[in-house]
Structure formats: structure tokens, C-alpha cells
């Protein structure tokens, strides 16, 4: 690990990861699948090159769920933490939930995506672009 690497894990620590900076992007997702998978109004994702993503412990505890034909979501089979996303729509990328990373990354969230399905009870006070 070097200063350009950030570690992360699930809640119980059974699955540990490393990602290499720079990140590709960071955004808040408001899609209904993210809402249901995480039990939250939105999820802040960070995109990384798949080549710069590594499972460093607990690969046997990492469970993948095919949430749609081109996409799958990764979670810990022990604690249920949902923190990874891959899709054929973005080949060569691994998306990691920002909340599951243990340190800062190289950028702040840049947009709200899938905003058409946002939770109407959540008021946002930022001025980031809202994209559908």
C-alpha cells in the first residue's frame, strides 16, 4: 500500500479492499435499486479502475447479487454490508460506496444522479448538478 491507495471494508471487517487513486468520479445515486439495496435515500459511489481494485481479505465472504442483467452488487455474506457495484454499462470500473472507505479520496461528490427517483422526503441543500 502507498499514499495513493485507500483501504475499505464491510461493517464486520470480514471483507477488506484496497483501491488505487486517482478515482474516476464520485456521485450521489438516487436510483430505486440503490435505495432498496442500501436501505437509504441515496448512496455515494466512487468509481475506480477495475485494475486498481483489490479484495485483500475475505473474498469467500463477498456475495454478488445480479440486480439487473448487466449489473451486479457486492455485499458481505456475514454482516450484509452492501458496498460494491459493477455493470457492463461501465466496463473496466468498480464502484465502491464512499462510506465503506477508511480514508479520504481525491475528490468530493460531483453530482446527484438518477435524481428523477429521489426520495421526496429528503431535502438537499447543496448546489451540485441533478441528473436523471
N, C-alpha and C. Protein backbone atom coordinates (compact mmCIF):
# COMPACT_ATOMS: atom_id res chain seq x y z
N UNK A 1 0.85 -1.18 0.00
CA UNK A 1 0.00 0.00 0.00
C UNK A 1 0.89 1.24 0.00
N UNK A 2 0.48 2.27 -0.74
CA UNK A 2 1.21 3.53 -0.75
C UNK A 2 0.25 4.67 -0.49
N UNK A 3 0.73 5.90 -0.57
CA UNK A 3 -0.11 7.05 -0.26
C UNK A 3 -1.22 7.25 -1.28
N UNK A 4 -1.13 6.58 -2.40
CA UNK A 4 -2.17 6.68 -3.43
C UNK A 4 -3.15 5.52 -3.36
N UNK A 5 -3.17 4.79 -2.25
CA UNK A 5 -4.06 3.66 -2.03
C UNK A 5 -4.94 3.95 -0.83
N UNK A 6 -6.21 3.61 -0.94
CA UNK A 6 -7.15 3.77 0.16
C UNK A 6 -7.71 2.39 0.48
N UNK A 7 -7.85 2.10 1.76
CA UNK A 7 -8.43 0.82 2.16
C UNK A 7 -9.90 1.00 2.49
N UNK A 8 -10.60 -0.12 2.58
CA UNK A 8 -12.01 -0.11 2.93
C UNK A 8 -12.42 -1.48 3.40
N UNK A 9 -13.64 -1.57 3.92
CA UNK A 9 -14.14 -2.86 4.37
C UNK A 9 -15.65 -2.79 4.58
N UNK A 10 -16.19 -3.97 4.84
CA UNK A 10 -17.59 -4.06 5.25
C UNK A 10 -17.66 -3.70 6.74
N UNK A 11 -18.85 -3.72 7.32
CA UNK A 11 -19.03 -3.35 8.72
C UNK A 11 -18.27 -4.28 9.67
N UNK A 12 -18.33 -5.58 9.44
CA UNK A 12 -17.70 -6.53 10.37
C UNK A 12 -16.21 -6.73 10.09
N UNK A 13 -15.74 -6.25 8.95
CA UNK A 13 -14.33 -6.38 8.61
C UNK A 13 -13.97 -7.68 7.93
N UNK A 14 -14.93 -8.54 7.67
CA UNK A 14 -14.63 -9.82 7.02
C UNK A 14 -14.11 -9.62 5.60
N UNK A 15 -14.64 -8.60 4.90
CA UNK A 15 -14.19 -8.31 3.54
C UNK A 15 -13.43 -6.99 3.57
N UNK A 16 -12.18 -7.03 3.15
CA UNK A 16 -11.35 -5.83 3.08
C UNK A 16 -10.94 -5.59 1.64
N UNK A 17 -10.82 -4.32 1.29
CA UNK A 17 -10.46 -3.95 -0.07
C UNK A 17 -9.38 -2.87 -0.06
N UNK A 18 -8.74 -2.70 -1.20
CA UNK A 18 -7.85 -1.58 -1.47
C UNK A 18 -8.21 -1.03 -2.83
N UNK A 19 -8.13 0.29 -2.97
CA UNK A 19 -8.35 0.94 -4.26
C UNK A 19 -7.23 1.93 -4.50
N UNK A 20 -6.80 2.00 -5.73
CA UNK A 20 -5.75 2.94 -6.10
C UNK A 20 -6.36 4.23 -6.62
N UNK A 21 -5.84 5.34 -6.13
CA UNK A 21 -6.20 6.64 -6.66
C UNK A 21 -5.35 6.88 -7.90
N UNK A 22 -5.81 7.65 -8.83
CA UNK A 22 -6.96 8.54 -8.72
C UNK A 22 -8.28 7.81 -8.96
N UNK A 23 -9.33 8.34 -8.36
CA UNK A 23 -10.67 7.85 -8.66
C UNK A 23 -11.09 8.41 -10.02
N UNK A 24 -12.14 7.83 -10.57
CA UNK A 24 -12.65 8.27 -11.87
C UNK A 24 -13.74 9.33 -11.72
N UNK A 25 -14.52 9.22 -10.66
CA UNK A 25 -15.64 10.13 -10.40
C UNK A 25 -16.20 9.83 -9.02
N UNK A 26 -17.08 10.69 -8.53
CA UNK A 26 -17.79 10.47 -7.27
C UNK A 26 -19.15 11.15 -7.38
N UNK A 27 -20.22 10.41 -7.08
CA UNK A 27 -21.58 10.97 -7.22
C UNK A 27 -22.54 10.31 -6.25
N UNK A 28 -23.59 11.04 -5.91
CA UNK A 28 -24.68 10.52 -5.10
C UNK A 28 -25.71 9.88 -6.03
N UNK A 29 -26.01 8.61 -5.83
CA UNK A 29 -27.01 7.93 -6.67
C UNK A 29 -28.34 7.82 -5.94
N UNK A 30 -29.40 8.19 -6.64
CA UNK A 30 -30.75 8.19 -6.08
C UNK A 30 -31.64 7.13 -6.73
N UNK A 31 -31.06 6.17 -7.45
CA UNK A 31 -31.90 5.17 -8.14
C UNK A 31 -32.61 4.28 -7.13
N UNK A 32 -33.74 3.73 -7.53
CA UNK A 32 -34.54 2.92 -6.62
C UNK A 32 -33.81 1.64 -6.21
N UNK A 33 -32.97 1.08 -7.07
CA UNK A 33 -32.24 -0.13 -6.69
C UNK A 33 -31.22 0.17 -5.60
N UNK A 34 -30.49 1.27 -5.72
CA UNK A 34 -29.55 1.65 -4.66
C UNK A 34 -30.30 1.93 -3.36
N UNK A 35 -31.44 2.60 -3.45
CA UNK A 35 -32.22 2.89 -2.25
C UNK A 35 -32.61 1.60 -1.53
N UNK A 36 -33.09 0.62 -2.28
CA UNK A 36 -33.52 -0.63 -1.66
C UNK A 36 -32.35 -1.49 -1.19
N UNK A 37 -31.28 -1.54 -1.97
CA UNK A 37 -30.13 -2.38 -1.60
C UNK A 37 -29.43 -1.86 -0.35
N UNK A 38 -29.39 -0.54 -0.19
CA UNK A 38 -28.70 0.05 0.94
C UNK A 38 -29.65 0.48 2.06
N UNK A 39 -30.96 0.50 1.79
CA UNK A 39 -31.90 0.95 2.81
C UNK A 39 -31.71 2.41 3.14
N UNK A 40 -31.40 3.21 2.13
CA UNK A 40 -31.10 4.63 2.34
C UNK A 40 -31.65 5.45 1.18
N UNK A 41 -31.78 6.74 1.39
CA UNK A 41 -32.31 7.63 0.36
C UNK A 41 -31.36 7.76 -0.83
N UNK A 42 -30.07 7.61 -0.57
CA UNK A 42 -29.08 7.71 -1.65
C UNK A 42 -27.82 6.98 -1.22
N UNK A 43 -26.98 6.71 -2.19
CA UNK A 43 -25.68 6.10 -1.94
C UNK A 43 -24.63 6.94 -2.66
N UNK A 44 -23.55 7.25 -1.98
CA UNK A 44 -22.47 7.98 -2.61
C UNK A 44 -21.45 6.96 -3.11
N UNK A 45 -21.34 6.88 -4.43
CA UNK A 45 -20.44 5.93 -5.08
C UNK A 45 -19.19 6.64 -5.57
N UNK A 46 -18.09 5.90 -5.57
CA UNK A 46 -16.84 6.35 -6.17
C UNK A 46 -16.44 5.32 -7.21
N UNK A 47 -16.14 5.79 -8.41
CA UNK A 47 -15.71 4.90 -9.47
C UNK A 47 -14.20 4.78 -9.50
N UNK A 48 -13.72 3.54 -9.61
CA UNK A 48 -12.29 3.26 -9.72
C UNK A 48 -12.05 2.35 -10.91
N UNK A 49 -10.86 2.39 -11.44
CA UNK A 49 -10.46 1.43 -12.46
C UNK A 49 -10.48 0.04 -11.83
N UNK A 50 -11.03 -0.94 -12.53
CA UNK A 50 -11.04 -2.31 -12.02
C UNK A 50 -9.63 -2.80 -11.74
N UNK A 51 -8.68 -2.34 -12.53
CA UNK A 51 -7.29 -2.75 -12.33
C UNK A 51 -6.72 -2.24 -11.01
N UNK A 52 -7.27 -1.16 -10.49
CA UNK A 52 -6.80 -0.59 -9.24
C UNK A 52 -7.62 -1.00 -8.04
N UNK A 53 -8.46 -2.02 -8.19
CA UNK A 53 -9.32 -2.52 -7.11
C UNK A 53 -8.86 -3.91 -6.71
N UNK A 54 -8.73 -4.14 -5.40
CA UNK A 54 -8.33 -5.46 -4.92
C UNK A 54 -9.12 -5.84 -3.67
N UNK A 55 -9.53 -7.09 -3.61
CA UNK A 55 -10.07 -7.66 -2.37
C UNK A 55 -8.85 -8.20 -1.64
N UNK A 56 -8.55 -7.67 -0.47
CA UNK A 56 -7.35 -8.06 0.26
C UNK A 56 -7.61 -9.09 1.35
N UNK A 57 -8.87 -9.27 1.72
CA UNK A 57 -9.24 -10.29 2.71
C UNK A 57 -10.72 -10.60 2.54
N UNK A 58 -11.07 -11.84 2.78
CA UNK A 58 -12.47 -12.23 2.83
C UNK A 58 -13.16 -12.41 1.50
N UNK A 59 -12.43 -12.74 0.46
CA UNK A 59 -13.06 -12.94 -0.85
C UNK A 59 -14.16 -14.00 -0.77
N UNK A 60 -13.99 -14.98 0.11
CA UNK A 60 -15.00 -16.03 0.27
C UNK A 60 -16.26 -15.51 0.95
N UNK A 61 -16.18 -14.37 1.62
CA UNK A 61 -17.37 -13.76 2.26
C UNK A 61 -18.05 -12.73 1.37
N UNK A 62 -17.47 -12.46 0.20
CA UNK A 62 -18.06 -11.48 -0.71
C UNK A 62 -19.13 -12.15 -1.55
N UNK A 63 -20.35 -11.64 -1.43
CA UNK A 63 -21.50 -12.20 -2.16
C UNK A 63 -21.91 -11.23 -3.26
N UNK A 64 -22.08 -11.75 -4.47
CA UNK A 64 -22.53 -10.92 -5.60
C UNK A 64 -23.97 -11.24 -5.93
N UNK A 65 -24.78 -10.21 -6.07
CA UNK A 65 -26.20 -10.32 -6.43
C UNK A 65 -26.41 -9.63 -7.78
N UNK A 66 -26.96 -10.36 -8.75
CA UNK A 66 -27.23 -9.79 -10.06
C UNK A 66 -28.53 -9.00 -9.96
N UNK A 67 -28.42 -7.68 -9.85
CA UNK A 67 -29.59 -6.82 -9.64
C UNK A 67 -30.31 -6.48 -10.93
N UNK A 68 -29.65 -6.63 -12.06
CA UNK A 68 -30.26 -6.47 -13.38
C UNK A 68 -29.36 -7.22 -14.36
N UNK A 69 -29.83 -7.48 -15.56
CA UNK A 69 -28.99 -8.26 -16.48
C UNK A 69 -27.56 -7.75 -16.66
N UNK A 70 -27.33 -6.43 -16.75
CA UNK A 70 -25.93 -6.02 -16.93
C UNK A 70 -25.18 -5.70 -15.65
N UNK A 71 -25.84 -5.77 -14.48
CA UNK A 71 -25.20 -5.25 -13.26
C UNK A 71 -25.23 -6.25 -12.11
N UNK A 72 -24.24 -6.13 -11.23
CA UNK A 72 -24.22 -6.92 -10.01
C UNK A 72 -23.75 -6.06 -8.84
N UNK A 73 -24.23 -6.40 -7.66
CA UNK A 73 -23.94 -5.64 -6.44
C UNK A 73 -23.28 -6.58 -5.43
N UNK A 74 -22.21 -6.08 -4.82
CA UNK A 74 -21.45 -6.90 -3.88
C UNK A 74 -21.73 -6.51 -2.44
N UNK A 75 -21.85 -7.54 -1.60
CA UNK A 75 -22.08 -7.32 -0.18
C UNK A 75 -21.36 -8.40 0.62
N UNK A 76 -21.24 -8.18 1.92
CA UNK A 76 -20.63 -9.15 2.80
C UNK A 76 -21.67 -10.19 3.22
N UNK A 77 -21.34 -11.45 3.06
CA UNK A 77 -22.25 -12.53 3.45
C UNK A 77 -22.39 -12.62 4.96
N UNK A 78 -21.44 -12.06 5.73
CA UNK A 78 -21.51 -12.12 7.19
C UNK A 78 -22.37 -11.02 7.79
N UNK A 79 -22.06 -9.76 7.47
CA UNK A 79 -22.77 -8.64 8.11
C UNK A 79 -23.81 -7.98 7.20
N UNK A 80 -23.78 -8.28 5.91
CA UNK A 80 -24.77 -7.72 5.00
C UNK A 80 -24.41 -6.38 4.40
N UNK A 81 -23.25 -5.82 4.77
CA UNK A 81 -22.85 -4.53 4.20
C UNK A 81 -22.86 -4.60 2.69
N UNK A 82 -23.55 -3.66 2.07
CA UNK A 82 -23.60 -3.59 0.61
C UNK A 82 -22.72 -2.43 0.19
N UNK A 83 -21.64 -2.73 -0.58
CA UNK A 83 -20.69 -1.66 -0.84
C UNK A 83 -19.98 -1.71 -2.18
N UNK A 84 -20.34 -2.65 -3.06
CA UNK A 84 -19.69 -2.73 -4.36
C UNK A 84 -20.73 -2.81 -5.48
N UNK A 85 -20.35 -2.31 -6.65
CA UNK A 85 -21.24 -2.34 -7.81
C UNK A 85 -20.39 -2.44 -9.07
N UNK A 86 -20.82 -3.31 -9.98
CA UNK A 86 -20.20 -3.44 -11.30
C UNK A 86 -21.30 -3.53 -12.34
N UNK A 87 -21.05 -3.00 -13.53
CA UNK A 87 -22.03 -3.09 -14.61
C UNK A 87 -21.32 -3.13 -15.96
N UNK A 88 -21.91 -3.87 -16.86
CA UNK A 88 -21.41 -3.90 -18.24
C UNK A 88 -21.52 -2.51 -18.87
N UNK A 89 -22.38 -1.69 -18.31
CA UNK A 89 -22.56 -0.32 -18.81
C UNK A 89 -21.29 0.51 -18.63
N UNK A 90 -20.49 0.18 -17.59
CA UNK A 90 -19.24 0.87 -17.31
C UNK A 90 -18.12 -0.18 -17.22
N UNK A 91 -17.74 -0.76 -18.35
CA UNK A 91 -16.70 -1.80 -18.31
C UNK A 91 -15.38 -1.24 -17.79
N UNK A 92 -14.68 -2.09 -17.06
CA UNK A 92 -13.39 -1.68 -16.53
C UNK A 92 -13.46 -0.83 -15.29
N UNK A 93 -14.66 -0.69 -14.70
CA UNK A 93 -14.83 0.11 -13.48
C UNK A 93 -15.37 -0.75 -12.35
N UNK A 94 -14.95 -0.42 -11.13
CA UNK A 94 -15.55 -0.95 -9.90
C UNK A 94 -16.04 0.25 -9.13
N UNK A 95 -17.28 0.21 -8.72
CA UNK A 95 -17.88 1.29 -7.94
C UNK A 95 -17.91 0.85 -6.48
N UNK A 96 -17.43 1.73 -5.61
CA UNK A 96 -17.32 1.43 -4.19
C UNK A 96 -18.09 2.50 -3.42
N UNK A 97 -18.87 2.07 -2.44
CA UNK A 97 -19.58 3.01 -1.58
C UNK A 97 -18.56 3.84 -0.80
N UNK A 98 -18.65 5.15 -0.91
CA UNK A 98 -17.70 6.04 -0.24
C UNK A 98 -17.68 5.79 1.26
N UNK A 99 -18.81 5.47 1.85
CA UNK A 99 -18.89 5.26 3.30
C UNK A 99 -18.11 4.04 3.77
N UNK A 100 -17.79 3.13 2.87
CA UNK A 100 -17.04 1.93 3.24
C UNK A 100 -15.53 2.09 3.08
N UNK A 101 -15.09 3.26 2.64
CA UNK A 101 -13.66 3.52 2.55
C UNK A 101 -13.17 4.10 3.87
N UNK A 102 -11.95 3.77 4.26
CA UNK A 102 -11.42 4.18 5.56
C UNK A 102 -10.68 5.50 5.55
N UNK A 103 -10.47 6.06 4.39
CA UNK A 103 -9.74 7.31 4.33
C UNK A 103 -10.30 8.21 3.26
N UNK A 104 -9.74 9.40 3.15
CA UNK A 104 -10.23 10.35 2.15
C UNK A 104 -9.83 9.90 0.74
N UNK A 105 -10.60 10.37 -0.22
CA UNK A 105 -10.27 10.14 -1.62
C UNK A 105 -9.84 11.48 -2.22
N UNK A 106 -9.63 11.48 -3.49
CA UNK A 106 -9.08 12.64 -4.18
C UNK A 106 -10.10 13.61 -4.73
N UNK A 107 -11.37 13.45 -4.39
CA UNK A 107 -12.39 14.37 -4.88
C UNK A 107 -13.63 14.31 -3.99
N UNK A 108 -14.42 15.35 -4.07
CA UNK A 108 -15.72 15.40 -3.38
C UNK A 108 -16.79 14.93 -4.36
N UNK A 109 -17.98 14.58 -3.87
CA UNK A 109 -19.07 14.24 -4.78
C UNK A 109 -19.32 15.38 -5.77
N UNK A 110 -19.59 15.00 -7.02
CA UNK A 110 -19.69 15.97 -8.10
C UNK A 110 -21.10 16.17 -8.65
N UNK A 111 -22.03 15.26 -8.31
CA UNK A 111 -23.38 15.36 -8.87
C UNK A 111 -24.33 14.44 -8.12
N UNK A 112 -25.61 14.66 -8.34
CA UNK A 112 -26.68 13.75 -7.93
C UNK A 112 -27.15 13.08 -9.21
N UNK A 113 -27.10 11.75 -9.27
CA UNK A 113 -27.52 11.03 -10.47
C UNK A 113 -28.79 10.24 -10.18
N UNK A 114 -29.53 9.94 -11.24
CA UNK A 114 -30.84 9.28 -11.14
C UNK A 114 -31.77 10.06 -10.22
N UNK A 115 -31.70 11.36 -10.34
CA UNK A 115 -32.44 12.24 -9.44
C UNK A 115 -33.95 12.15 -9.64
N UNK A 116 -34.39 11.68 -10.78
CA UNK A 116 -35.83 11.55 -11.04
C UNK A 116 -36.51 10.62 -10.03
N UNK A 117 -35.75 9.70 -9.45
CA UNK A 117 -36.32 8.76 -8.48
C UNK A 117 -35.86 9.06 -7.05
N UNK A 118 -35.47 10.30 -6.79
CA UNK A 118 -35.02 10.65 -5.45
C UNK A 118 -36.15 10.52 -4.43
N UNK A 119 -35.76 10.32 -3.18
CA UNK A 119 -36.74 10.25 -2.09
C UNK A 119 -37.31 11.64 -1.87
N UNK A 120 -38.62 11.81 -2.03
CA UNK A 120 -39.21 13.15 -1.93
C UNK A 120 -39.13 13.76 -0.53
N UNK A 121 -38.88 12.96 0.48
CA UNK A 121 -38.80 13.45 1.84
C UNK A 121 -37.40 13.93 2.23
N UNK A 122 -36.44 13.80 1.32
CA UNK A 122 -35.09 14.25 1.60
C UNK A 122 -34.84 15.60 0.92
N UNK A 123 -34.56 16.61 1.71
CA UNK A 123 -34.24 17.92 1.14
C UNK A 123 -32.73 18.06 1.04
N UNK A 124 -32.27 18.46 -0.13
CA UNK A 124 -30.85 18.63 -0.37
C UNK A 124 -30.51 20.11 -0.36
N UNK A 125 -29.45 20.46 0.34
CA UNK A 125 -29.08 21.86 0.47
C UNK A 125 -27.85 22.23 -0.37
N UNK A 126 -27.32 21.27 -1.11
CA UNK A 126 -26.13 21.59 -1.91
C UNK A 126 -26.55 22.11 -3.28
N UNK A 127 -25.57 22.52 -4.03
CA UNK A 127 -25.83 23.07 -5.37
C UNK A 127 -25.22 22.20 -6.47
N UNK A 128 -25.04 20.92 -6.17
CA UNK A 128 -24.49 20.00 -7.18
C UNK A 128 -25.51 19.78 -8.30
N UNK A 129 -25.06 19.50 -9.50
CA UNK A 129 -25.99 19.22 -10.60
C UNK A 129 -26.86 18.00 -10.26
N UNK A 130 -28.11 18.05 -10.69
CA UNK A 130 -29.05 16.93 -10.51
C UNK A 130 -29.34 16.37 -11.90
N UNK A 131 -28.97 15.09 -12.10
CA UNK A 131 -29.09 14.45 -13.41
C UNK A 131 -30.06 13.27 -13.33
N UNK A 132 -30.81 13.07 -14.40
CA UNK A 132 -31.74 11.93 -14.43
C UNK A 132 -31.16 10.74 -15.12
